[in-house]
Amino acid sequence: GLRPAAEPYARAARRGAVVAVDLPSGVDADTGEVPGVALRADVTVCFGTYKPGLLIDPGASYAGAVQLVGIGLEPPAAEVTALQHADVAALLPVPGAESDKYRRGVVGVAAGSATYPGAALLAVAGALHGGAGAVRYVGTAAEEVVRRFPEVLVTEGGPAGAGRVQAWVVGPGGGE
């Protein structure tokens, strides 16, 4: 954590944009632990390599957007990789002219309920915006799901009767 003498400065820094250099003050570089008061950054600029504490909560939630700046170091091969937006985008397949919903993948959603339809709607919206070829919904919020997203394939009953699905989103809001 921060030394007591630094705490007033950390509180004052909350009034504007905060840029941390290498690591937000008060966050343990190796574990991400925050044993006391810590500075919450909007952006953390780190040099040479990422510190594990920037990638592990609670430290990650104090780091804001993390930007790595190369300084000519050759770090050892990483045991763990933190994917950035560009890394994930490069891994996703780009649909071609021959692509159909099955080649792009079908996501099954078993979430929400008649009591908690918002959970179903959020999970379905995420699957649709994530680039799935099709989304299949199973659950008791089917009426709300189809009203908001008529393109979703709705199945009565459980996941066993849903048909072809490559990945499932299960929960939240499944309780009545």
N, C-alpha and C. Protein backbone atom coordinates (compact mmCIF):
# COMPACT_ATOMS: atom_id res chain seq x y z
N GLY A 1 0.81 -1.18 0.00
CA GLY A 1 0.00 0.00 0.00
C GLY A 1 0.86 1.26 0.00
N LEU A 2 0.21 2.36 -0.16
CA LEU A 2 0.91 3.64 -0.14
C LEU A 2 1.38 3.97 1.28
N ARG A 3 2.48 4.67 1.35
CA ARG A 3 2.92 5.19 2.64
C ARG A 3 1.93 6.24 3.07
N PRO A 4 1.69 6.37 4.38
CA PRO A 4 0.71 7.35 4.87
C PRO A 4 0.96 8.77 4.36
N ALA A 5 2.21 9.16 4.19
CA ALA A 5 2.51 10.52 3.72
C ALA A 5 2.05 10.74 2.28
N ALA A 6 1.91 9.66 1.49
CA ALA A 6 1.51 9.79 0.08
C ALA A 6 0.00 9.74 -0.11
N GLU A 7 -0.74 9.31 0.91
CA GLU A 7 -2.19 9.15 0.76
C GLU A 7 -2.91 10.43 0.37
N PRO A 8 -2.59 11.60 0.94
CA PRO A 8 -3.29 12.82 0.51
C PRO A 8 -3.07 13.14 -0.97
N TYR A 9 -1.90 12.83 -1.49
CA TYR A 9 -1.62 13.08 -2.91
C TYR A 9 -2.44 12.14 -3.79
N ALA A 10 -2.59 10.92 -3.35
CA ALA A 10 -3.41 9.97 -4.11
C ALA A 10 -4.86 10.42 -4.15
N ARG A 11 -5.37 10.92 -3.04
CA ARG A 11 -6.75 11.42 -3.02
C ARG A 11 -6.90 12.64 -3.95
N ALA A 12 -5.92 13.52 -3.95
CA ALA A 12 -5.97 14.71 -4.80
C ALA A 12 -5.90 14.33 -6.28
N ALA A 13 -5.18 13.27 -6.61
CA ALA A 13 -5.02 12.86 -8.00
C ALA A 13 -6.32 12.35 -8.60
N ARG A 14 -7.28 12.00 -7.78
CA ARG A 14 -8.55 11.49 -8.28
C ARG A 14 -9.37 12.56 -8.99
N ARG A 15 -8.98 13.80 -8.89
CA ARG A 15 -9.74 14.90 -9.51
C ARG A 15 -9.47 15.03 -11.00
N GLY A 16 -8.41 14.47 -11.50
CA GLY A 16 -8.07 14.58 -12.92
C GLY A 16 -7.68 13.22 -13.47
N ALA A 17 -7.19 13.21 -14.70
CA ALA A 17 -6.71 11.97 -15.30
C ALA A 17 -5.44 11.52 -14.59
N VAL A 18 -5.35 10.23 -14.31
CA VAL A 18 -4.20 9.68 -13.60
C VAL A 18 -3.46 8.72 -14.52
N VAL A 19 -2.17 8.99 -14.72
CA VAL A 19 -1.32 8.11 -15.50
C VAL A 19 -0.28 7.53 -14.55
N ALA A 20 -0.27 6.21 -14.45
CA ALA A 20 0.72 5.54 -13.61
C ALA A 20 1.89 5.12 -14.49
N VAL A 21 3.07 5.21 -13.94
CA VAL A 21 4.27 4.80 -14.66
C VAL A 21 4.74 3.48 -14.08
N ASP A 22 4.71 2.44 -14.90
CA ASP A 22 5.13 1.10 -14.58
C ASP A 22 4.11 0.33 -13.75
N LEU A 23 3.51 0.97 -12.74
CA LEU A 23 2.58 0.29 -11.85
C LEU A 23 1.86 1.35 -11.01
N PRO A 24 0.56 1.23 -10.79
CA PRO A 24 -0.10 2.19 -9.90
C PRO A 24 0.48 2.07 -8.48
N SER A 25 0.75 3.20 -7.88
CA SER A 25 1.33 3.20 -6.53
C SER A 25 0.39 2.47 -5.57
N GLY A 26 0.96 1.56 -4.79
CA GLY A 26 0.20 0.80 -3.81
C GLY A 26 -0.18 -0.59 -4.28
N VAL A 27 0.06 -0.92 -5.56
CA VAL A 27 -0.26 -2.24 -6.09
C VAL A 27 1.02 -3.08 -6.08
N ASP A 28 0.93 -4.30 -5.56
CA ASP A 28 2.08 -5.19 -5.55
C ASP A 28 2.39 -5.65 -6.97
N ALA A 29 3.62 -5.45 -7.42
CA ALA A 29 4.01 -5.75 -8.80
C ALA A 29 3.89 -7.22 -9.16
N ASP A 30 4.11 -8.10 -8.20
CA ASP A 30 4.10 -9.54 -8.49
C ASP A 30 2.74 -10.20 -8.31
N THR A 31 1.98 -9.76 -7.31
CA THR A 31 0.74 -10.46 -6.97
C THR A 31 -0.53 -9.71 -7.32
N GLY A 32 -0.44 -8.40 -7.55
CA GLY A 32 -1.64 -7.60 -7.79
C GLY A 32 -2.38 -7.25 -6.52
N GLU A 33 -1.84 -7.66 -5.38
CA GLU A 33 -2.50 -7.36 -4.11
C GLU A 33 -2.42 -5.87 -3.82
N VAL A 34 -3.41 -5.39 -3.10
CA VAL A 34 -3.47 -3.98 -2.69
C VAL A 34 -3.64 -4.00 -1.17
N PRO A 35 -2.51 -4.00 -0.45
CA PRO A 35 -2.59 -4.18 1.00
C PRO A 35 -3.07 -2.96 1.78
N GLY A 36 -3.31 -1.86 1.15
CA GLY A 36 -3.79 -0.65 1.83
C GLY A 36 -4.37 0.29 0.80
N VAL A 37 -4.09 1.55 0.95
CA VAL A 37 -4.55 2.56 -0.01
C VAL A 37 -3.68 2.46 -1.27
N ALA A 38 -4.31 2.56 -2.43
CA ALA A 38 -3.57 2.52 -3.69
C ALA A 38 -4.15 3.56 -4.63
N LEU A 39 -3.34 3.97 -5.57
CA LEU A 39 -3.75 4.95 -6.57
C LEU A 39 -4.46 4.22 -7.70
N ARG A 40 -5.63 4.70 -8.08
CA ARG A 40 -6.39 4.10 -9.18
C ARG A 40 -6.08 4.91 -10.44
N ALA A 41 -5.43 4.29 -11.42
CA ALA A 41 -4.99 4.99 -12.63
C ALA A 41 -6.01 4.85 -13.75
N ASP A 42 -6.04 5.84 -14.63
CA ASP A 42 -6.82 5.74 -15.86
C ASP A 42 -6.02 5.00 -16.92
N VAL A 43 -4.70 5.23 -16.92
CA VAL A 43 -3.77 4.59 -17.85
C VAL A 43 -2.52 4.23 -17.07
N THR A 44 -1.98 3.04 -17.35
CA THR A 44 -0.68 2.66 -16.80
C THR A 44 0.25 2.38 -17.97
N VAL A 45 1.37 3.09 -18.00
CA VAL A 45 2.39 2.89 -19.02
C VAL A 45 3.50 2.07 -18.37
N CYS A 46 3.74 0.88 -18.93
CA CYS A 46 4.81 0.06 -18.37
C CYS A 46 5.88 -0.15 -19.42
N PHE A 47 7.09 -0.40 -18.96
CA PHE A 47 8.25 -0.44 -19.84
C PHE A 47 8.87 -1.83 -19.87
N GLY A 48 9.17 -2.31 -21.07
CA GLY A 48 9.88 -3.56 -21.23
C GLY A 48 9.01 -4.79 -21.20
N THR A 49 8.20 -4.93 -20.15
CA THR A 49 7.32 -6.09 -20.02
C THR A 49 6.20 -5.76 -19.04
N TYR A 50 5.14 -6.53 -19.09
CA TYR A 50 4.04 -6.34 -18.17
C TYR A 50 4.42 -6.92 -16.80
N LYS A 51 4.03 -6.25 -15.76
CA LYS A 51 4.18 -6.77 -14.41
C LYS A 51 2.96 -7.66 -14.14
N PRO A 52 3.15 -8.81 -13.50
CA PRO A 52 1.98 -9.67 -13.21
C PRO A 52 0.89 -8.93 -12.44
N GLY A 53 1.27 -8.03 -11.54
CA GLY A 53 0.29 -7.30 -10.75
C GLY A 53 -0.64 -6.43 -11.56
N LEU A 54 -0.28 -6.11 -12.81
CA LEU A 54 -1.15 -5.34 -13.69
C LEU A 54 -2.25 -6.21 -14.31
N LEU A 55 -2.06 -7.52 -14.26
CA LEU A 55 -2.95 -8.43 -14.95
C LEU A 55 -3.82 -9.25 -14.01
N ILE A 56 -3.55 -9.17 -12.71
CA ILE A 56 -4.25 -9.97 -11.71
C ILE A 56 -5.04 -9.04 -10.81
N ASP A 57 -6.31 -9.35 -10.60
CA ASP A 57 -7.10 -8.55 -9.67
C ASP A 57 -6.68 -8.82 -8.24
N PRO A 58 -6.74 -7.81 -7.39
CA PRO A 58 -7.38 -6.53 -7.61
C PRO A 58 -6.51 -5.51 -8.33
N GLY A 59 -5.20 -5.76 -8.48
CA GLY A 59 -4.30 -4.80 -9.11
C GLY A 59 -4.73 -4.39 -10.51
N ALA A 60 -5.26 -5.34 -11.28
CA ALA A 60 -5.69 -5.03 -12.65
C ALA A 60 -6.78 -3.96 -12.66
N SER A 61 -7.64 -3.97 -11.65
CA SER A 61 -8.71 -2.98 -11.63
C SER A 61 -8.20 -1.59 -11.25
N TYR A 62 -6.97 -1.50 -10.75
CA TYR A 62 -6.36 -0.20 -10.43
C TYR A 62 -5.53 0.33 -11.60
N ALA A 63 -5.24 -0.50 -12.60
CA ALA A 63 -4.31 -0.13 -13.66
C ALA A 63 -4.93 0.67 -14.79
N GLY A 64 -6.25 0.59 -14.98
CA GLY A 64 -6.87 1.27 -16.12
C GLY A 64 -6.42 0.62 -17.42
N ALA A 65 -6.31 1.41 -18.49
CA ALA A 65 -5.80 0.90 -19.76
C ALA A 65 -4.29 0.76 -19.64
N VAL A 66 -3.77 -0.42 -19.97
CA VAL A 66 -2.34 -0.68 -19.82
C VAL A 66 -1.67 -0.61 -21.18
N GLN A 67 -0.64 0.22 -21.27
CA GLN A 67 0.12 0.39 -22.51
C GLN A 67 1.56 -0.03 -22.27
N LEU A 68 2.05 -0.95 -23.09
CA LEU A 68 3.43 -1.42 -22.99
C LEU A 68 4.29 -0.61 -23.95
N VAL A 69 5.41 -0.11 -23.45
CA VAL A 69 6.36 0.64 -24.27
C VAL A 69 7.66 -0.16 -24.29
N GLY A 70 8.08 -0.53 -25.48
CA GLY A 70 9.34 -1.26 -25.61
C GLY A 70 10.53 -0.35 -25.37
N ILE A 71 11.53 -0.87 -24.67
CA ILE A 71 12.74 -0.08 -24.41
C ILE A 71 14.00 -0.86 -24.79
N GLY A 72 13.83 -1.84 -25.66
CA GLY A 72 14.98 -2.58 -26.15
C GLY A 72 15.39 -3.76 -25.31
N LEU A 73 14.62 -4.11 -24.31
CA LEU A 73 14.93 -5.28 -23.49
C LEU A 73 14.44 -6.53 -24.19
N GLU A 74 15.11 -7.62 -23.95
CA GLU A 74 14.67 -8.92 -24.45
C GLU A 74 14.24 -9.75 -23.25
N PRO A 75 12.97 -9.64 -22.85
CA PRO A 75 12.53 -10.42 -21.68
C PRO A 75 12.51 -11.92 -22.02
N PRO A 76 12.61 -12.76 -21.00
CA PRO A 76 12.53 -14.20 -21.26
C PRO A 76 11.16 -14.56 -21.81
N ALA A 77 11.06 -15.75 -22.38
CA ALA A 77 9.79 -16.20 -22.94
C ALA A 77 8.73 -16.20 -21.85
N ALA A 78 7.56 -15.71 -22.20
CA ALA A 78 6.48 -15.59 -21.22
C ALA A 78 5.85 -16.95 -20.93
N GLU A 79 5.53 -17.15 -19.66
CA GLU A 79 4.80 -18.35 -19.27
C GLU A 79 3.30 -18.15 -19.47
N VAL A 80 2.88 -16.89 -19.41
CA VAL A 80 1.48 -16.52 -19.56
C VAL A 80 1.41 -15.33 -20.50
N THR A 81 0.39 -15.28 -21.33
CA THR A 81 0.23 -14.17 -22.25
C THR A 81 -1.08 -13.45 -21.95
N ALA A 82 -1.02 -12.14 -21.88
CA ALA A 82 -2.22 -11.32 -21.72
C ALA A 82 -2.59 -10.79 -23.10
N LEU A 83 -3.68 -11.29 -23.66
CA LEU A 83 -4.07 -10.88 -24.99
C LEU A 83 -4.64 -9.46 -24.96
N GLN A 84 -4.23 -8.66 -25.92
CA GLN A 84 -4.75 -7.31 -26.09
C GLN A 84 -5.80 -7.36 -27.21
N HIS A 85 -6.51 -6.26 -27.42
CA HIS A 85 -7.57 -6.22 -28.42
C HIS A 85 -7.07 -6.67 -29.79
N ALA A 86 -5.92 -6.20 -30.21
CA ALA A 86 -5.39 -6.56 -31.53
C ALA A 86 -5.06 -8.05 -31.59
N ASP A 87 -4.58 -8.64 -30.49
CA ASP A 87 -4.27 -10.07 -30.46
C ASP A 87 -5.54 -10.90 -30.66
N VAL A 88 -6.60 -10.53 -29.96
CA VAL A 88 -7.86 -11.25 -30.07
C VAL A 88 -8.43 -11.10 -31.47
N ALA A 89 -8.39 -9.90 -32.02
CA ALA A 89 -8.90 -9.67 -33.37
C ALA A 89 -8.17 -10.52 -34.39
N ALA A 90 -6.86 -10.69 -34.22
CA ALA A 90 -6.08 -11.50 -35.16
C ALA A 90 -6.44 -12.98 -35.05
N LEU A 91 -6.92 -13.43 -33.92
CA LEU A 91 -7.29 -14.83 -33.73
C LEU A 91 -8.67 -15.17 -34.27
N LEU A 92 -9.53 -14.17 -34.41
CA LEU A 92 -10.89 -14.42 -34.85
C LEU A 92 -10.93 -14.67 -36.36
N PRO A 93 -11.69 -15.66 -36.78
CA PRO A 93 -11.80 -15.91 -38.22
C PRO A 93 -12.57 -14.79 -38.90
N VAL A 94 -12.18 -14.50 -40.11
CA VAL A 94 -12.87 -13.49 -40.91
C VAL A 94 -13.83 -14.23 -41.83
N PRO A 95 -15.13 -13.92 -41.75
CA PRO A 95 -16.09 -14.62 -42.60
C PRO A 95 -15.83 -14.36 -44.07
N GLY A 96 -15.93 -15.40 -44.85
CA GLY A 96 -15.76 -15.29 -46.29
C GLY A 96 -17.09 -15.41 -47.00
N ALA A 97 -17.07 -15.39 -48.32
CA ALA A 97 -18.29 -15.46 -49.12
C ALA A 97 -19.02 -16.77 -48.90
N GLU A 98 -18.29 -17.84 -48.59
CA GLU A 98 -18.91 -19.16 -48.39
C GLU A 98 -19.37 -19.39 -46.95
N SER A 99 -19.14 -18.43 -46.08
CA SER A 99 -19.48 -18.59 -44.66
C SER A 99 -20.99 -18.59 -44.46
N ASP A 100 -21.44 -19.48 -43.62
CA ASP A 100 -22.83 -19.48 -43.19
C ASP A 100 -22.85 -19.57 -41.66
N LYS A 101 -24.03 -19.62 -41.09
CA LYS A 101 -24.11 -19.58 -39.63
C LYS A 101 -23.39 -20.74 -38.97
N TYR A 102 -23.30 -21.87 -39.62
CA TYR A 102 -22.64 -23.01 -38.99
C TYR A 102 -21.12 -22.91 -39.10
N ARG A 103 -20.61 -22.34 -40.17
CA ARG A 103 -19.16 -22.15 -40.28
C ARG A 103 -18.66 -21.06 -39.34
N ARG A 104 -19.52 -20.10 -39.04
CA ARG A 104 -19.14 -19.01 -38.13
C ARG A 104 -19.39 -19.38 -36.68
N GLY A 105 -20.06 -20.49 -36.43
CA GLY A 105 -20.28 -20.95 -35.07
C GLY A 105 -21.62 -20.54 -34.51
N VAL A 106 -22.17 -21.44 -33.71
CA VAL A 106 -23.45 -21.22 -33.07
C VAL A 106 -23.21 -21.17 -31.56
N VAL A 107 -23.69 -20.11 -30.93
CA VAL A 107 -23.58 -19.95 -29.49
C VAL A 107 -24.94 -20.27 -28.87
N GLY A 108 -24.94 -21.15 -27.90
CA GLY A 108 -26.16 -21.44 -27.15
C GLY A 108 -26.17 -20.62 -25.87
N VAL A 109 -27.32 -20.09 -25.53
CA VAL A 109 -27.46 -19.28 -24.32
C VAL A 109 -28.52 -19.92 -23.43
N ALA A 110 -28.11 -20.31 -22.23
CA ALA A 110 -29.03 -20.82 -21.21
C ALA A 110 -28.85 -19.88 -20.02
N ALA A 111 -29.58 -18.78 -20.05
CA ALA A 111 -29.43 -17.75 -19.03
C ALA A 111 -30.75 -17.05 -18.84
N GLY A 112 -30.88 -16.34 -17.73
CA GLY A 112 -32.08 -15.58 -17.48
C GLY A 112 -33.26 -16.47 -17.17
N SER A 113 -34.37 -15.84 -16.91
CA SER A 113 -35.60 -16.54 -16.60
C SER A 113 -36.75 -15.57 -16.83
N ALA A 114 -37.97 -16.06 -16.66
CA ALA A 114 -39.12 -15.17 -16.79
C ALA A 114 -39.04 -14.07 -15.73
N THR A 115 -38.50 -14.39 -14.57
CA THR A 115 -38.35 -13.41 -13.50
C THR A 115 -37.20 -12.45 -13.77
N TYR A 116 -36.12 -12.94 -14.38
CA TYR A 116 -34.92 -12.14 -14.65
C TYR A 116 -34.58 -12.16 -16.14
N PRO A 117 -35.44 -11.62 -17.01
CA PRO A 117 -35.18 -11.67 -18.45
C PRO A 117 -33.99 -10.82 -18.88
N GLY A 118 -33.63 -9.81 -18.08
CA GLY A 118 -32.51 -8.95 -18.45
C GLY A 118 -31.22 -9.72 -18.60
N ALA A 119 -31.01 -10.72 -17.76
CA ALA A 119 -29.80 -11.54 -17.86
C ALA A 119 -29.76 -12.28 -19.19
N ALA A 120 -30.90 -12.80 -19.62
CA ALA A 120 -30.97 -13.48 -20.91
C ALA A 120 -30.71 -12.52 -22.05
N LEU A 121 -31.32 -11.33 -21.99
CA LEU A 121 -31.15 -10.34 -23.05
C LEU A 121 -29.70 -9.89 -23.17
N LEU A 122 -29.04 -9.67 -22.03
CA LEU A 122 -27.64 -9.25 -22.08
C LEU A 122 -26.73 -10.35 -22.63
N ALA A 123 -26.96 -11.59 -22.22
CA ALA A 123 -26.14 -12.69 -22.71
C ALA A 123 -26.34 -12.91 -24.21
N VAL A 124 -27.59 -12.85 -24.66
CA VAL A 124 -27.88 -13.00 -26.09
C VAL A 124 -27.28 -11.85 -26.88
N ALA A 125 -27.41 -10.62 -26.39
CA ALA A 125 -26.84 -9.46 -27.09
C ALA A 125 -25.33 -9.61 -27.22
N GLY A 126 -24.67 -10.08 -26.17
CA GLY A 126 -23.22 -10.29 -26.23
C GLY A 126 -22.85 -11.32 -27.28
N ALA A 127 -23.60 -12.42 -27.34
CA ALA A 127 -23.31 -13.46 -28.34
C ALA A 127 -23.53 -12.94 -29.76
N LEU A 128 -24.60 -12.18 -29.96
CA LEU A 128 -24.87 -11.63 -31.29
C LEU A 128 -23.80 -10.62 -31.72
N HIS A 129 -23.39 -9.77 -30.81
CA HIS A 129 -22.39 -8.76 -31.14
C HIS A 129 -20.98 -9.32 -31.20
N GLY A 130 -20.79 -10.52 -30.67
CA GLY A 130 -19.47 -11.14 -30.69
C GLY A 130 -19.13 -11.82 -32.01
N GLY A 131 -20.05 -11.83 -32.96
CA GLY A 131 -19.76 -12.39 -34.28
C GLY A 131 -20.20 -13.82 -34.50
N ALA A 132 -21.00 -14.37 -33.60
CA ALA A 132 -21.49 -15.73 -33.80
C ALA A 132 -22.34 -15.79 -35.06
N GLY A 133 -22.29 -16.92 -35.74
CA GLY A 133 -23.12 -17.10 -36.93
C GLY A 133 -24.59 -17.18 -36.58
N ALA A 134 -24.89 -17.78 -35.44
CA ALA A 134 -26.27 -17.88 -34.97
C ALA A 134 -26.24 -18.01 -33.45
N VAL A 135 -27.36 -17.64 -32.85
CA VAL A 135 -27.50 -17.76 -31.41
C VAL A 135 -28.77 -18.56 -31.14
N ARG A 136 -28.64 -19.57 -30.30
CA ARG A 136 -29.79 -20.38 -29.87
C ARG A 136 -30.04 -20.08 -28.40
N TYR A 137 -31.29 -19.82 -28.05
CA TYR A 137 -31.64 -19.55 -26.65
C TYR A 137 -32.52 -20.67 -26.12
N VAL A 138 -32.22 -21.13 -24.91
CA VAL A 138 -33.08 -22.05 -24.19
C VAL A 138 -33.33 -21.46 -22.81
N GLY A 139 -34.58 -21.41 -22.41
CA GLY A 139 -34.90 -20.88 -21.10
C GLY A 139 -36.28 -20.27 -21.07
N THR A 140 -36.67 -19.83 -19.89
CA THR A 140 -38.03 -19.33 -19.70
C THR A 140 -38.21 -17.85 -20.04
N ALA A 141 -37.14 -17.21 -20.52
CA ALA A 141 -37.27 -15.82 -20.97
C ALA A 141 -37.39 -15.74 -22.49
N ALA A 142 -37.80 -16.84 -23.11
CA ALA A 142 -37.84 -16.93 -24.57
C ALA A 142 -38.70 -15.83 -25.19
N GLU A 143 -39.84 -15.54 -24.59
CA GLU A 143 -40.73 -14.52 -25.16
C GLU A 143 -40.04 -13.16 -25.23
N GLU A 144 -39.36 -12.78 -24.16
CA GLU A 144 -38.64 -11.51 -24.14
C GLU A 144 -37.47 -11.52 -25.12
N VAL A 145 -36.77 -12.64 -25.21
CA VAL A 145 -35.62 -12.74 -26.12
C VAL A 145 -36.06 -12.57 -27.57
N VAL A 146 -37.11 -13.26 -27.97
CA VAL A 146 -37.58 -13.17 -29.36
C VAL A 146 -38.16 -11.79 -29.66
N ARG A 147 -38.80 -11.17 -28.68
CA ARG A 147 -39.34 -9.84 -28.89
C ARG A 147 -38.21 -8.85 -29.20
N ARG A 148 -37.11 -8.97 -28.48
CA ARG A 148 -35.98 -8.04 -28.66
C ARG A 148 -35.06 -8.45 -29.80
N PHE A 149 -34.87 -9.78 -29.97
CA PHE A 149 -33.94 -10.31 -30.98
C PHE A 149 -34.64 -11.39 -31.80
N PRO A 150 -35.44 -11.02 -32.80
CA PRO A 150 -36.19 -12.03 -33.56
C PRO A 150 -35.30 -12.99 -34.34
N GLU A 151 -34.05 -12.65 -34.54
CA GLU A 151 -33.14 -13.54 -35.28
C GLU A 151 -32.64 -14.72 -34.47
N VAL A 152 -32.87 -14.72 -33.16
CA VAL A 152 -32.39 -15.78 -32.29
C VAL A 152 -33.26 -17.02 -32.44
N LEU A 153 -32.63 -18.17 -32.48
CA LEU A 153 -33.33 -19.45 -32.57
C LEU A 153 -33.70 -19.87 -31.15
N VAL A 154 -34.97 -20.03 -30.87
CA VAL A 154 -35.44 -20.35 -29.53
C VAL A 154 -35.88 -21.80 -29.50
N THR A 155 -35.47 -22.49 -28.45
CA THR A 155 -35.81 -23.90 -28.27
C THR A 155 -36.56 -24.08 -26.96
N GLU A 156 -37.67 -24.76 -27.02
CA GLU A 156 -38.38 -25.10 -25.79
C GLU A 156 -37.63 -26.25 -25.12
N GLY A 157 -37.61 -26.26 -23.83
CA GLY A 157 -36.90 -27.33 -23.12
C GLY A 157 -35.47 -26.92 -22.85
N GLY A 158 -34.65 -27.89 -22.57
CA GLY A 158 -33.27 -27.62 -22.17
C GLY A 158 -32.28 -27.69 -23.31
N PRO A 159 -31.00 -27.60 -22.98
CA PRO A 159 -29.93 -27.59 -23.97
C PRO A 159 -29.86 -28.86 -24.84
N ALA A 160 -30.31 -29.99 -24.32
CA ALA A 160 -30.23 -31.23 -25.09
C ALA A 160 -31.02 -31.14 -26.39
N GLY A 161 -32.09 -30.36 -26.42
CA GLY A 161 -32.91 -30.24 -27.62
C GLY A 161 -32.58 -29.04 -28.47
N ALA A 162 -31.50 -28.35 -28.17
CA ALA A 162 -31.18 -27.09 -28.86
C ALA A 162 -30.57 -27.29 -30.24
N GLY A 163 -30.10 -28.47 -30.55
CA GLY A 163 -29.47 -28.66 -31.85
C GLY A 163 -28.00 -28.31 -31.82
N ARG A 164 -27.48 -27.96 -32.97
CA ARG A 164 -26.06 -27.70 -33.15
C ARG A 164 -25.61 -26.44 -32.41
N VAL A 165 -24.68 -26.60 -31.46
CA VAL A 165 -24.13 -25.49 -30.70
C VAL A 165 -22.66 -25.79 -30.45
N GLN A 166 -21.78 -24.84 -30.74
CA GLN A 166 -20.35 -25.03 -30.51
C GLN A 166 -19.89 -24.50 -29.16
N ALA A 167 -20.58 -23.52 -28.59
CA ALA A 167 -20.19 -22.95 -27.30
C ALA A 167 -21.44 -22.51 -26.55
N TRP A 168 -21.43 -22.70 -25.24
CA TRP A 168 -22.58 -22.34 -24.41
C TRP A 168 -22.24 -21.21 -23.46
N VAL A 169 -23.19 -20.32 -23.27
CA VAL A 169 -23.17 -19.32 -22.21
C VAL A 169 -24.22 -19.79 -21.21
N VAL A 170 -23.78 -20.10 -19.98
CA VAL A 170 -24.71 -20.63 -18.99
C VAL A 170 -24.77 -19.67 -17.81
N GLY A 171 -26.00 -19.27 -17.44
CA GLY A 171 -26.21 -18.31 -16.37
C GLY A 171 -25.93 -16.94 -16.91
N PRO A 172 -26.11 -15.95 -16.25
CA PRO A 172 -26.66 -15.69 -14.93
C PRO A 172 -28.17 -15.57 -14.97
N GLY A 173 -28.76 -15.32 -13.83
CA GLY A 173 -30.19 -15.06 -13.73
C GLY A 173 -31.07 -16.25 -13.98
N GLY A 174 -30.54 -17.45 -13.79
CA GLY A 174 -31.33 -18.65 -14.07
C GLY A 174 -32.33 -19.00 -13.00
N GLY A 175 -32.23 -18.37 -11.85
CA GLY A 175 -33.17 -18.69 -10.77
C GLY A 175 -34.51 -18.01 -10.99
N GLU A 176 -35.54 -18.59 -10.46
CA GLU A 176 -36.88 -18.00 -10.60
C GLU A 176 -37.10 -17.06 -9.51
